PDB file of N, CA and C in Angstrom:
ATOM      1  N   GLU A   1      -2.145  15.535 -30.665  1.00  0.00           N
ATOM      2  CA  GLU A   1      -0.422  16.683 -30.036  1.00  0.00           C
ATOM      3  C   GLU A   1       0.313  15.829 -30.739  1.00  0.00           C
ATOM      4  N   ASP A   2      -0.020  14.063 -30.445  1.00  0.00           N
ATOM      5  CA  ASP A   2       1.147  12.677 -30.891  1.00  0.00           C
ATOM      6  C   ASP A   2       1.454  13.582 -32.411  1.00  0.00           C
ATOM      7  N   TYR A   3       1.054  14.014 -33.295  1.00  0.00           N
ATOM      8  CA  TYR A   3       0.388  13.743 -34.747  1.00  0.00           C
ATOM      9  C   TYR A   3       1.136  15.448 -34.856  1.00  0.00           C
ATOM     10  N   GLY A   4       1.078  16.761 -33.853  1.00  0.00           N
ATOM     11  CA  GLY A   4       0.658  17.493 -34.721  1.00  0.00           C
ATOM     12  C   GLY A   4      -0.885  18.227 -35.054  1.00  0.00           C
ATOM     13  N   TYR A   5      -1.091  17.787 -34.892  1.00  0.00           N
ATOM     14  CA  TYR A   5      -2.505  18.619 -35.269  1.00  0.00           C
ATOM     15  C   TYR A   5      -3.321  19.307 -33.878  1.00  0.00           C
ATOM     16  N   ASP A   6      -3.879  20.504 -34.514  1.00  0.00           N
ATOM     17  CA  ASP A   6      -4.503  20.789 -33.828  1.00  0.00           C
ATOM     18  C   ASP A   6      -6.393  20.628 -33.582  1.00  0.00           C
ATOM     19  N   TYR A   7      -6.475  21.240 -32.705  1.00  0.00           N
ATOM     20  CA  TYR A   7      -7.827  20.557 -31.605  1.00  0.00           C
ATOM     21  C   TYR A   7      -8.357  20.718 -31.328  1.00  0.00           C
ATOM     22  N   VAL A   8      -9.744  20.871 -31.289  1.00  0.00           N
ATOM     23  CA  VAL A   8     -10.717  22.250 -29.998  1.00  0.00           C
ATOM     24  C   VAL A   8     -11.119  20.868 -28.802  1.00  0.00           C
ATOM     25  N   ILE A   9     -11.802  20.776 -27.448  1.00  0.00           N
ATOM     26  CA  ILE A   9     -11.789  20.235 -27.128  1.00  0.00           C
ATOM     27  C   ILE A   9     -13.220  20.263 -26.665  1.00  0.00           C
ATOM     28  N   LEU A  10     -14.444  20.089 -26.956  1.00  0.00           N
ATOM     29  CA  LEU A  10     -15.979  20.593 -26.541  1.00  0.00           C
ATOM     30  C   LEU A  10     -16.370  19.497 -25.354  1.00  0.00           C
ATOM     31  N   ASN A  11     -17.576  20.575 -24.831  1.00  0.00           N
ATOM     32  CA  ASN A  11     -17.798  19.684 -23.774  1.00  0.00           C
ATOM     33  C   ASN A  11     -18.743  19.085 -23.674  1.00  0.00           C
ATOM     34  N   PRO A  12     -19.433  18.134 -23.911  1.00  0.00           N
ATOM     35  CA  PRO A  12     -20.224  17.001 -25.406  1.00  0.00           C
ATOM     36  C   PRO A  12     -21.707  17.817 -24.943  1.00  0.00           C
ATOM     37  N   LEU A  13     -21.875  18.265 -23.724  1.00  0.00           N
ATOM     38  CA  LEU A  13     -23.549  19.385 -23.927  1.00  0.00           C
ATOM     39  C   LEU A  13     -23.932  19.962 -24.488  1.00  0.00           C
ATOM     40  N   LYS A  14     -22.449  20.141 -24.210  1.00  0.00           N
ATOM     41  CA  LYS A  14     -22.345  21.822 -25.361  1.00  0.00           C
ATOM     42  C   LYS A  14     -22.279  21.743 -26.619  1.00  0.00           C
ATOM     43  N   ALA A  15     -22.042  20.754 -27.159  1.00  0.00           N
ATOM     44  CA  ALA A  15     -21.827  20.564 -28.004  1.00  0.00           C
ATOM     45  C   ALA A  15     -22.849  19.674 -29.596  1.00  0.00           C
ATOM     46  N   LYS A  16     -23.398  19.300 -28.247  1.00  0.00           N
ATOM     47  CA  LYS A  16     -24.656  18.702 -28.621  1.00  0.00           C
ATOM     48  C   LYS A  16     -26.016  19.446 -28.374  1.00  0.00           C
ATOM     49  N   LYS A  17     -26.003  20.649 -27.686  1.00  0.00           N
ATOM     50  CA  LYS A  17     -27.117  21.049 -28.473  1.00  0.00           C
ATOM     51  C   LYS A  17     -26.158  22.354 -29.214  1.00  0.00           C
ATOM     52  N   GLU A  18     -25.371  22.722 -29.294  1.00  0.00           N
ATOM     53  CA  GLU A  18     -24.792  23.381 -30.531  1.00  0.00           C
ATOM     54  C   GLU A  18     -25.467  22.119 -32.339  1.00  0.00           C
ATOM     55  N   MET A  19     -25.426  21.382 -31.713  1.00  0.00           N
ATOM     56  CA  MET A  19     -25.388  20.212 -32.912  1.00  0.00           C
ATOM     57  C   MET A  19     -26.917  19.824 -33.271  1.00  0.00           C
ATOM     58  N   ASP A  20     -27.745  20.301 -32.606  1.00  0.00           N
ATOM     59  CA  ASP A  20     -29.042  19.838 -32.526  1.00  0.00           C
ATOM     60  C   ASP A  20     -29.643  21.379 -32.980  1.00  0.00           C
ATOM     61  N   MET A  21     -29.888  21.904 -34.869  1.00  0.00           N
ATOM     62  CA  MET A  21     -30.380  22.947 -35.053  1.00  0.00           C
ATOM     63  C   MET A  21     -31.896  22.680 -35.008  1.00  0.00           C
ATOM     64  N   GLY A  22     -32.513  22.726 -34.692  1.00  0.00           N
ATOM     65  CA  GLY A  22     -33.884  21.843 -34.590  1.00  0.00           C
ATOM     66  C   GLY A  22     -34.611  20.416 -35.769  1.00  0.00           C
ATOM     67  N   LEU A  23     -33.319  20.268 -35.937  1.00  0.00           N
ATOM     68  CA  LEU A  23     -33.868  18.871 -37.015  1.00  0.00           C
ATOM     69  C   LEU A  23     -33.365  17.582 -37.020  1.00  0.00           C
ATOM     70  N   ARG A  24     -33.798  16.451 -36.782  1.00  0.00           N
ATOM     71  CA  ARG A  24     -33.996  15.180 -36.438  1.00  0.00           C
ATOM     72  C   ARG A  24     -32.679  14.908 -36.986  1.00  0.00           C
ATOM     73  N   HIS A  25     -31.615  14.907 -37.249  1.00  0.00           N
ATOM     74  CA  HIS A  25     -30.696  13.349 -38.419  1.00  0.00           C
ATOM     75  C   HIS A  25     -30.590  12.546 -38.055  1.00  0.00           C
ATOM     76  N   ASN A  26     -29.947  11.214 -39.204  1.00  0.00           N
ATOM     77  CA  ASN A  26     -29.441  10.013 -38.504  1.00  0.00           C
ATOM     78  C   ASN A  26     -28.117   9.865 -37.693  1.00  0.00           C
ATOM     79  N   LYS A  27     -27.843   9.086 -36.483  1.00  0.00           N
ATOM     80  CA  LYS A  27     -27.242   9.616 -35.673  1.00  0.00           C
ATOM     81  C   LYS A  27     -25.917   8.890 -36.152  1.00  0.00           C
ATOM     82  N   THR A  28     -24.841   8.702 -36.855  1.00  0.00           N
ATOM     83  CA  THR A  28     -24.229   8.050 -37.444  1.00  0.00           C
ATOM     84  C   THR A  28     -22.207   8.983 -37.166  1.00  0.00           C
ATOM     85  N   ASP A  29     -21.678   8.240 -37.147  1.00  0.00           N
ATOM     86  CA  ASP A  29     -20.296   8.701 -37.025  1.00  0.00           C
ATOM     87  C   ASP A  29     -19.737   9.616 -37.834  1.00  0.00           C
ATOM     88  N   LYS A  30     -19.842   9.479 -39.654  1.00  0.00           N
ATOM     89  CA  LYS A  30     -19.700  10.478 -41.035  1.00  0.00           C
ATOM     90  C   LYS A  30     -20.968  11.793 -39.738  1.00  0.00           C
ATOM     91  N   THR A  31     -21.630  11.193 -39.690  1.00  0.00           N
ATOM     92  CA  THR A  31     -22.721  12.914 -39.671  1.00  0.00           C
ATOM     93  C   THR A  31     -22.668  14.175 -38.491  1.00  0.00           C
ATOM     94  N   ASP A  32     -21.884  12.751 -37.696  1.00  0.00           N
ATOM     95  CA  ASP A  32     -21.171  13.827 -36.706  1.00  0.00           C
ATOM     96  C   ASP A  32     -19.954  14.121 -36.989  1.00  0.00           C
ATOM     97  N   ALA A  33     -19.610  13.448 -37.029  1.00  0.00           N
ATOM     98  CA  ALA A  33     -18.133  14.293 -37.730  1.00  0.00           C
ATOM     99  C   ALA A  33     -18.727  15.363 -38.346  1.00  0.00           C
ATOM    100  N   TYR A  34     -19.501  15.606 -39.295  1.00  0.00           N
ATOM    101  CA  TYR A  34     -19.731  16.417 -40.116  1.00  0.00           C
ATOM    102  C   TYR A  34     -20.140  17.796 -39.341  1.00  0.00           C
ATOM    103  N   HIS A  35     -20.733  17.379 -38.850  1.00  0.00           N
ATOM    104  CA  HIS A  35     -21.927  18.642 -37.647  1.00  0.00           C
ATOM    105  C   HIS A  35     -20.510  19.391 -36.676  1.00  0.00           C
ATOM    106  N   LEU A  36     -19.862  18.420 -36.315  1.00  0.00           N
ATOM    107  CA  LEU A  36     -19.120  19.575 -35.076  1.00  0.00           C
ATOM    108  C   LEU A  36     -17.921  19.665 -36.172  1.00  0.00           C
ATOM    109  N   ALA A  37     -17.706  19.124 -37.038  1.00  0.00           N
ATOM    110  CA  ALA A  37     -17.203  20.260 -38.017  1.00  0.00           C
ATOM    111  C   ALA A  37     -17.602  21.604 -38.472  1.00  0.00           C
ATOM    112  N   LEU A  38     -18.835  21.081 -38.702  1.00  0.00           N
ATOM    113  CA  LEU A  38     -19.448  22.171 -39.178  1.00  0.00           C
ATOM    114  C   LEU A  38     -19.849  23.670 -37.859  1.00  0.00           C
ATOM    115  N   ILE A  39     -20.174  23.540 -36.259  1.00  0.00           N
ATOM    116  CA  ILE A  39     -19.995  24.469 -35.442  1.00  0.00           C
ATOM    117  C   ILE A  39     -18.871  24.139 -35.198  1.00  0.00           C
ATOM    118  N   GLN A  40     -17.280  24.007 -35.328  1.00  0.00           N
ATOM    119  CA  GLN A  40     -16.774  24.886 -35.805  1.00  0.00           C
ATOM    120  C   GLN A  40     -16.123  25.589 -36.230  1.00  0.00           C
ATOM    121  N   ARG A  41     -17.168  25.147 -37.798  1.00  0.00           N
ATOM    122  CA  ARG A  41     -16.120  26.027 -38.731  1.00  0.00           C
ATOM    123  C   ARG A  41     -17.647  27.521 -38.462  1.00  0.00           C
ATOM    124  N   LEU A  42     -18.884  27.561 -37.679  1.00  0.00           N
ATOM    125  CA  LEU A  42     -19.353  28.880 -37.218  1.00  0.00           C
ATOM    126  C   LEU A  42     -19.373  29.278 -36.061  1.00  0.00           C
ATOM    127  N   TYR A  43     -19.172  28.968 -35.342  1.00  0.00           N
ATOM    128  CA  TYR A  43     -18.024  29.261 -33.484  1.00  0.00           C
ATOM    129  C   TYR A  43     -16.667  28.947 -33.418  1.00  0.00           C
ATOM    130  N   HIS A  44     -16.370  29.091 -34.694  1.00  0.00           N
ATOM    131  CA  HIS A  44     -14.516  29.163 -33.683  1.00  0.00           C
ATOM    132  C   HIS A  44     -14.002  29.048 -32.750  1.00  0.00           C
ATOM    133  N   HIS A  45     -14.806  27.834 -31.963  1.00  0.00           N
ATOM    134  CA  HIS A  45     -13.770  27.119 -31.299  1.00  0.00           C
ATOM    135  C   HIS A  45     -12.316  27.985 -30.560  1.00  0.00           C
ATOM    136  N   PRO A  46     -11.800  27.804 -29.402  1.00  0.00           N
ATOM    137  CA  PRO A  46     -10.341  28.577 -29.280  1.00  0.00           C
ATOM    138  C   PRO A  46      -9.724  26.468 -29.406  1.00  0.00           C
ATOM    139  N   ILE A  47      -8.767  26.501 -30.077  1.00  0.00           N
ATOM    140  CA  ILE A  47      -7.594  25.748 -29.886  1.00  0.00           C
ATOM    141  C   ILE A  47      -7.181  24.951 -29.188  1.00  0.00           C
ATOM    142  N   ASN A  48      -6.817  24.209 -28.154  1.00  0.00           N
ATOM    143  CA  ASN A  48      -6.941  23.357 -27.130  1.00  0.00           C
ATOM    144  C   ASN A  48      -4.877  23.561 -27.266  1.00  0.00           C
ATOM    145  N   GLN A  49      -4.498  24.194 -25.480  1.00  0.00           N
ATOM    146  CA  GLN A  49      -3.176  24.837 -26.092  1.00  0.00           C
ATOM    147  C   GLN A  49      -2.892  22.918 -25.262  1.00  0.00           C
ATOM    148  N   LEU A  50      -1.185  23.034 -25.707  1.00  0.00           N
ATOM    149  CA  LEU A  50      -1.060  21.639 -25.170  1.00  0.00           C
ATOM    150  C   LEU A  50      -0.369  22.824 -23.769  1.00  0.00           C
ATOM    151  N   GLN A  51      -0.338  20.968 -22.663  1.00  0.00           N
ATOM    152  CA  GLN A  51       0.076  21.147 -21.915  1.00  0.00           C
ATOM    153  C   GLN A  51       1.682  21.580 -21.161  1.00  0.00           C
ATOM    154  N   SER A  52       2.151  22.263 -20.525  1.00  0.00           N
ATOM    155  CA  SER A  52       3.815  21.516 -20.031  1.00  0.00           C
ATOM    156  C   SER A  52       3.680  20.288 -20.289  1.00  0.00           C
ATOM    157  N   GLN A  53       4.971  19.591 -20.215  1.00  0.00           N
ATOM    158  CA  GLN A  53       5.475  18.524 -19.073  1.00  0.00           C
ATOM    159  C   GLN A  53       5.176  18.704 -17.598  1.00  0.00           C
ATOM    160  N   THR A  54       5.109  19.687 -16.434  1.00  0.00           N
ATOM    161  CA  THR A  54       5.336  20.483 -14.982  1.00  0.00           C
ATOM    162  C   THR A  54       2.974  19.997 -15.126  1.00  0.00           C
ATOM    163  N   TYR A  55       3.058  20.396 -16.058  1.00  0.00           N
ATOM    164  CA  TYR A  55       1.309  20.478 -15.835  1.00  0.00           C
ATOM    165  C   TYR A  55       0.983  19.163 -15.903  1.00  0.00           C
ATOM    166  N   LYS A  56       1.362  18.381 -16.930  1.00  0.00           N
ATOM    167  CA  LYS A  56       1.085  17.037 -16.745  1.00  0.00           C
ATOM    168  C   LYS A  56       1.050  15.815 -15.568  1.00  0.00           C
ATOM    169  N   GLN A  57       2.241  16.378 -15.567  1.00  0.00           N
ATOM    170  CA  GLN A  57       2.733  15.783 -13.481  1.00  0.00           C
ATOM    171  C   GLN A  57       2.219  16.316 -12.495  1.00  0.00           C
ATOM    172  N   LEU A  58       1.844  17.483 -12.625  1.00  0.00           N
ATOM    173  CA  LEU A  58       0.807  18.033 -11.315  1.00  0.00           C
ATOM    174  C   LEU A  58      -0.578  17.145 -11.748  1.00  0.00           C
ATOM    175  N   ASN A  59      -0.905  17.039 -12.729  1.00  0.00           N
ATOM    176  CA  ASN A  59      -2.849  17.208 -12.872  1.00  0.00           C
ATOM    177  C   ASN A  59      -2.480  15.758 -12.545  1.00  0.00           C
ATOM    178  N   ALA A  60      -1.411  14.827 -12.787  1.00  0.00           N
ATOM    179  CA  ALA A  60      -0.744  13.530 -12.503  1.00  0.00           C
ATOM    180  C   ALA A  60      -1.837  13.391 -10.920  1.00  0.00           C
ATOM    181  N   LEU A  61      -0.646  14.275 -10.363  1.00  0.00           N
ATOM    182  CA  LEU A  61      -0.037  14.117  -8.416  1.00  0.00           C
ATOM    183  C   LEU A  61      -1.538  14.544  -8.041  1.00  0.00           C
ATOM    184  N   SER A  62      -2.462  15.021  -8.794  1.00  0.00           N
ATOM    185  CA  SER A  62      -3.398  15.875  -8.086  1.00  0.00           C
ATOM    186  C   SER A  62      -4.794  14.092  -8.312  1.00  0.00           C
ATOM    187  N   ARG A  63      -4.790  13.924  -9.323  1.00  0.00           N
ATOM    188  CA  ARG A  63      -5.242  12.301  -9.439  1.00  0.00           C
ATOM    189  C   ARG A  63      -5.139  11.669  -7.976  1.00  0.00           C
ATOM    190  N   PHE A  64      -4.150  11.817  -8.246  1.00  0.00           N
ATOM    191  CA  PHE A  64      -3.412  10.976  -6.957  1.00  0.00           C
ATOM    192  C   PHE A  64      -3.633  10.743  -5.540  1.00  0.00           C
ATOM    193  N   TYR A  65      -3.076  12.452  -5.688  1.00  0.00           N
ATOM    194  CA  TYR A  65      -3.775  12.846  -3.842  1.00  0.00           C
ATOM    195  C   TYR A  65      -5.590  12.552  -3.687  1.00  0.00           C
ATOM    196  N   ASP A  66      -6.454  12.564  -4.948  1.00  0.00           N
ATOM    197  CA  ASP A  66      -7.443  12.087  -4.323  1.00  0.00           C
ATOM    198  C   ASP A  66      -7.837  11.411  -4.468  1.00  0.00           C
ATOM    199  N   GLN A  67      -6.885  10.152  -4.872  1.00  0.00           N
ATOM    200  CA  GLN A  67      -7.657   8.745  -4.923  1.00  0.00           C
ATOM    201  C   GLN A  67      -7.102   8.296  -3.777  1.00  0.00           C
ATOM    202  N   LEU A  68      -5.776   9.147  -2.643  1.00  0.00           N
ATOM    203  CA  LEU A  68      -5.147   8.686  -1.542  1.00  0.00           C
ATOM    204  C   LEU A  68      -5.837   9.144  -0.439  1.00  0.00           C
ATOM    205  N   THR A  69      -6.472  10.884  -0.735  1.00  0.00           N
ATOM    206  CA  THR A  69      -8.237  10.543  -0.083  1.00  0.00           C
ATOM    207  C   THR A  69      -8.888   9.877   0.399  1.00  0.00           C
ATOM    208  N   ALA A  70      -9.429   9.608  -0.876  1.00  0.00           N
ATOM    209  CA  ALA A  70     -11.285   8.115  -0.604  1.00  0.00           C
ATOM    210  C   ALA A  70     -10.489   7.186  -0.505  1.00  0.00           C
ATOM    211  N   ASP A  71      -9.215   6.676  -1.016  1.00  0.00           N
ATOM    212  CA  ASP A  71      -8.640   5.407   0.122  1.00  0.00           C
ATOM    213  C   ASP A  71      -8.691   5.918   1.186  1.00  0.00           C
ATOM    214  N   LEU A  72      -8.538   7.366   2.009  1.00  0.00           N
ATOM    215  CA  LEU A  72      -8.241   7.583   3.413  1.00  0.00           C
ATOM    216  C   LEU A  72     -10.021   7.181   4.476  1.00  0.00           C
ATOM    217  N   VAL A  73     -10.451   7.515   3.140  1.00  0.00           N
ATOM    218  CA  VAL A  73     -11.757   7.903   3.822  1.00  0.00           C
ATOM    219  C   VAL A  73     -12.693   6.704   3.746  1.00  0.00           C
ATOM    220  N   MET A  74     -12.630   6.043   3.133  1.00  0.00           N
ATOM    221  CA  MET A  74     -12.851   4.302   2.799  1.00  0.00           C
ATOM    222  C   MET A  74     -12.328   3.971   4.048  1.00  0.00           C
ATOM    223  N   ALA A  75     -10.744   3.472   5.161  1.00  0.00           N
ATOM    224  CA  ALA A  75     -10.584   3.370   5.565  1.00  0.00           C
ATOM    225  C   ALA A  75     -11.047   3.295   6.763  1.00  0.00           C
ATOM    226  N   LYS A  76     -10.836   4.218   7.033  1.00  0.00           N
ATOM    227  CA  LYS A  76     -11.599   5.165   8.808  1.00  0.00           C
ATOM    228  C   LYS A  76     -13.062   4.323   8.453  1.00  0.00           C
ATOM    229  N   ASN A  77     -12.944   4.673   7.371  1.00  0.00           N
ATOM    230  CA  ASN A  77     -15.775   4.324   7.068  1.00  0.00           C
ATOM    231  C   ASN A  77     -14.978   3.062   7.819  1.00  0.00           C
ATOM    232  N   ARG A  78     -14.783   2.101   7.349  1.00  0.00           N
ATOM    233  CA  ARG A  78     -13.944   0.093   7.769  1.00  0.00           C
ATOM    234  C   ARG A  78     -14.124   0.096   9.249  1.00  0.00           C
ATOM    235  N   LEU A  79     -12.885   1.496   9.727  1.00  0.00           N
ATOM    236  CA  LEU A  79     -12.355   1.132  11.523  1.00  0.00           C
ATOM    237  C   LEU A  79     -13.680   1.211  11.851  1.00  0.00           C
ATOM    238  N   HIS A  80     -14.182   2.683  11.864  1.00  0.00           N
ATOM    239  CA  HIS A  80     -15.107   3.188  12.443  1.00  0.00           C
ATOM    240  C   HIS A  80     -16.759   1.359  12.388  1.00  0.00           C
ATOM    241  N   GLN A  81     -16.867   1.053  11.216  1.00  0.00           N
ATOM    242  CA  GLN A  81     -17.954   0.142  11.269  1.00  0.00           C
ATOM    243  C   GLN A  81     -17.776  -0.922  11.899  1.00  0.00           C
ATOM    244  N   ALA A  82     -15.934  -1.207  11.984  1.00  0.00           N
ATOM    245  CA  ALA A  82     -15.067  -2.430  12.442  1.00  0.00           C
ATOM    246  C   ALA A  82     -15.837  -2.652  14.541  1.00  0.00           C
ATOM    247  N   LEU A  83     -15.200  -1.247  14.836  1.00  0.00           N
ATOM    248  CA  LEU A  83     -15.347  -0.712  16.182  1.00  0.00           C
ATOM    249  C   LEU A  83     -16.657  -0.441  16.440  1.00  0.00           C
ATOM    250  N   GLN A  84     -17.705  -0.009  15.892  1.00  0.00           N
ATOM    251  CA  GLN A  84     -19.183  -0.637  15.823  1.00  0.00           C
ATOM    252  C   GLN A  84     -19.619  -2.061  16.341  1.00  0.00           C
ATOM    253  N   SER A  85     -19.635  -2.915  15.812  1.00  0.00           N
ATOM    254  CA  SER A  85     -18.967  -3.965  15.825  1.00  0.00           C
ATOM    255  C   SER A  85     -18.534  -4.745  17.225  1.00  0.00           C
ATOM    256  N   THR A  86     -17.392  -4.064  16.985  1.00  0.00           N
ATOM    257  CA  THR A  86     -16.876  -5.525  18.339  1.00  0.00           C
ATOM    258  C   THR A  86     -16.981  -4.181  19.283  1.00  0.00           C
ATOM    259  N   PHE A  87     -16.579  -3.403  19.749  1.00  0.00           N
ATOM    260  CA  PHE A  87     -16.916  -1.980  20.821  1.00  0.00           C
ATOM    261  C   PHE A  87     -17.729  -1.438  20.761  1.00  0.00           C
ATOM    262  N   PRO A  88     -18.766  -0.774  20.572  1.00  0.00           N
ATOM    263  CA  PRO A  88     -19.988   0.086  20.743  1.00  0.00           C
ATOM    264  C   PRO A  88     -19.568   1.153  21.546  1.00  0.00           C
ATOM    265  N   GLU A  89     -18.762   0.386  22.876  1.00  0.00           N
ATOM    266  CA  GLU A  89     -19.159   1.403  24.011  1.00  0.00           C
ATOM    267  C   GLU A  89     -18.906   2.140  24.133  1.00  0.00           C
ATOM    268  N   ILE A  90     -17.397   1.879  23.667  1.00  0.00           N
ATOM    269  CA  ILE A  90     -16.687   2.852  23.140  1.00  0.00           C
ATOM    270  C   ILE A  90     -17.499   4.521  22.762  1.00  0.00           C
ATOM    271  N   GLU A  91     -17.560   4.480  21.820  1.00  0.00           N
ATOM    272  CA  GLU A  91     -18.397   5.978  21.402  1.00  0.00           C
ATOM    273  C   GLU A  91     -18.812   6.664  22.887  1.00  0.00           C
ATOM    274  N   ASN A  92     -19.709   6.293  23.359  1.00  0.00           N
ATOM    275  CA  ASN A  92     -20.207   6.649  24.538  1.00  0.00           C
ATOM    276  C   ASN A  92     -18.455   7.242  25.858  1.00  0.00           C
ATOM    277  N   LEU A  93     -17.952   6.539  25.736  1.00  0.00           N
ATOM    278  CA  LEU A  93     -16.787   7.327  26.568  1.00  0.00           C
ATOM    279  C   LEU A  93     -15.886   8.147  26.122  1.00  0.00           C
ATOM    280  N   PHE A  94     -15.777   8.990  24.608  1.00  0.00           N
ATOM    281  CA  PHE A  94     -15.570   9.640  25.006  1.00  0.00           C
ATOM    282  C   PHE A  94     -16.447  10.493  23.219  1.00  0.00           C
ATOM    283  N   SER A  95     -15.726  11.602  23.212  1.00  0.00           N
ATOM    284  CA  SER A  95     -17.440  13.156  22.727  1.00  0.00           C
ATOM    285  C   SER A  95     -16.978  12.400  21.094  1.00  0.00           C
ATOM    286  N   SER A  96     -15.512  12.095  20.131  1.00  0.00           N
ATOM    287  CA  SER A  96     -15.574  12.516  18.813  1.00  0.00           C
ATOM    288  C   SER A  96     -14.206  10.697  19.328  1.00  0.00           C
ATOM    289  N   ALA A  97     -14.633  10.261  17.884  1.00  0.00           N
ATOM    290  CA  ALA A  97     -13.073   9.209  17.997  1.00  0.00           C
ATOM    291  C   ALA A  97     -11.533   9.968  17.358  1.00  0.00           C
ATOM    292  N   LYS A  98     -11.627  11.240  18.280  1.00  0.00           N
ATOM    293  CA  LYS A  98      -9.938  11.386  17.957  1.00  0.00           C
ATOM    294  C   LYS A  98      -9.083  11.235  19.089  1.00  0.00           C
ATOM    295  N   GLY A  99      -8.537  11.867  19.103  1.00  0.00           N
ATOM    296  CA  GLY A  99      -7.222  12.327  20.261  1.00  0.00           C
ATOM    297  C   GLY A  99      -6.455  10.685  20.645  1.00  0.00           C
ATOM    298  N   LYS A 100      -5.850  11.447  21.197  1.00  0.00           N
ATOM    299  CA  LYS A 100      -3.907  10.357  22.252  1.00  0.00           C
ATOM    300  C   LYS A 100      -4.612   9.303  22.864  1.00  0.00           C
ATOM    301  N   ASN A 101      -5.634   9.409  23.226  1.00  0.00           N
ATOM    302  CA  ASN A 101      -6.804   8.729  24.624  1.00  0.00           C
ATOM    303  C   ASN A 101      -7.665   7.525  23.777  1.00  0.00           C
ATOM    304  N   TYR A 102      -8.055   8.244  23.012  1.00  0.00           N
ATOM    305  CA  TYR A 102      -9.130   7.706  22.751  1.00  0.00           C
ATOM    306  C   TYR A 102      -8.323   5.922  21.471  1.00  0.00           C
ATOM    307  N   TRP A 103      -6.939   6.091  21.286  1.00  0.00           N
ATOM    308  CA  TRP A 103      -6.597   5.572  20.238  1.00  0.00           C
ATOM    309  C   TRP A 103      -5.983   4.573  20.979  1.00  0.00           C
ATOM    310  N   GLN A 104      -5.113   4.888  22.489  1.00  0.00           N
ATOM    311  CA  GLN A 104      -4.834   4.092  23.195  1.00  0.00           C
ATOM    312  C   GLN A 104      -5.503   2.870  23.963  1.00  0.00           C
ATOM    313  N   ILE A 105      -7.375   3.896  24.326  1.00  0.00           N
ATOM    314  CA  ILE A 105      -7.732   2.238  24.595  1.00  0.00           C
ATOM    315  C   ILE A 105      -8.169   1.351  23.142  1.00  0.00           C
ATOM    316  N   VAL A 106      -8.387   2.098  22.216  1.00  0.00           N
ATOM    317  CA  VAL A 106      -8.620   1.224  20.807  1.00  0.00           C
ATOM    318  C   VAL A 106      -7.739  -0.119  20.912  1.00  0.00           C
ATOM    319  N   VAL A 107      -5.982   0.203  20.963  1.00  0.00           N
ATOM    320  CA  VAL A 107      -5.635  -0.354  20.494  1.00  0.00           C
ATOM    321  C   VAL A 107      -5.132  -1.177  22.326  1.00  0.00           C
ATOM    322  N   ARG A 108      -5.353  -0.797  23.430  1.00  0.00           N
ATOM    323  CA  ARG A 108      -5.485  -1.917  24.599  1.00  0.00           C
ATOM    324  C   ARG A 108      -6.503  -2.771  24.371  1.00  0.00           C
ATOM    325  N   TYR A 109      -7.324  -2.241  23.979  1.00  0.00           N
ATOM    326  CA  TYR A 109      -8.320  -3.087  24.342  1.00  0.00           C
ATOM    327  C   TYR A 109      -9.921  -2.799  22.940  1.00  0.00           C
ATOM    328  N   PRO A 110      -8.745  -3.797  21.929  1.00  0.00           N
ATOM    329  CA  PRO A 110      -9.330  -3.956  20.727  1.00  0.00           C
ATOM    330  C   PRO A 110     -11.073  -4.664  20.795  1.00  0.00           C
ATOM    331  N   HIS A 111     -11.276  -5.231  22.089  1.00  0.00           N
ATOM    332  CA  HIS A 111     -13.181  -5.926  21.713  1.00  0.00           C
ATOM    333  C   HIS A 111     -13.240  -5.244  23.490  1.00  0.00           C
ATOM    334  N   CYS A 112     -14.670  -4.996  23.325  1.00  0.00           N
ATOM    335  CA  CYS A 112     -15.374  -4.701  24.883  1.00  0.00           C
ATOM    336  C   CYS A 112     -15.159  -5.961  25.500  1.00  0.00           C
ATOM    337  N   ASP A 113     -15.046  -7.345  25.095  1.00  0.00           N
ATOM    338  CA  ASP A 113     -14.870  -7.695  26.371  1.00  0.00           C
ATOM    339  C   ASP A 113     -13.814  -8.024  26.885  1.00  0.00           C
ATOM    340  N   LEU A 114     -12.463  -7.051  26.445  1.00  0.00           N
ATOM    341  CA  LEU A 114     -11.458  -7.008  27.305  1.00  0.00           C
ATOM    342  C   LEU A 114     -11.384  -6.175  28.221  1.00  0.00           C
ATOM    343  N   VAL A 115     -12.241  -5.315  28.475  1.00  0.00           N
ATOM    344  CA  VAL A 115     -12.458  -4.802  29.350  1.00  0.00           C
ATOM    345  C   VAL A 115     -12.900  -4.720  30.345  1.00  0.00           C
ATOM    346  N   ARG A 116     -12.482  -5.303  31.615  1.00  0.00           N
ATOM    347  CA  ARG A 116     -12.698  -5.488  33.140  1.00  0.00           C
ATOM    348  C   ARG A 116     -12.559  -4.680  34.304  1.00  0.00           C
TER     349      ARG A 116
END
């Protein structure tokens, strides 16, 4: 992209399958480059199209959103684990760990010894 060369993006497993033409060969960078060029010549894989800056930004935002979602799940799991060790009885009080009343109890009584 930076130097104006056209290039093809191949799935590594697909490229390996196409490169293995029944014969074992010495695996070196030089032979890999040769065989990749050969399969491009034989199979004519489509040239990669440049993405606009907007799509690049959308991809970055999507990855960021996925990371935030994973972080949120991890934080919820940690909170659930902490509540199980400090206030296991709360699970018997409510059918699910959701709702305003559940969180008011957790905030007011973070440990089961505080309930009297």
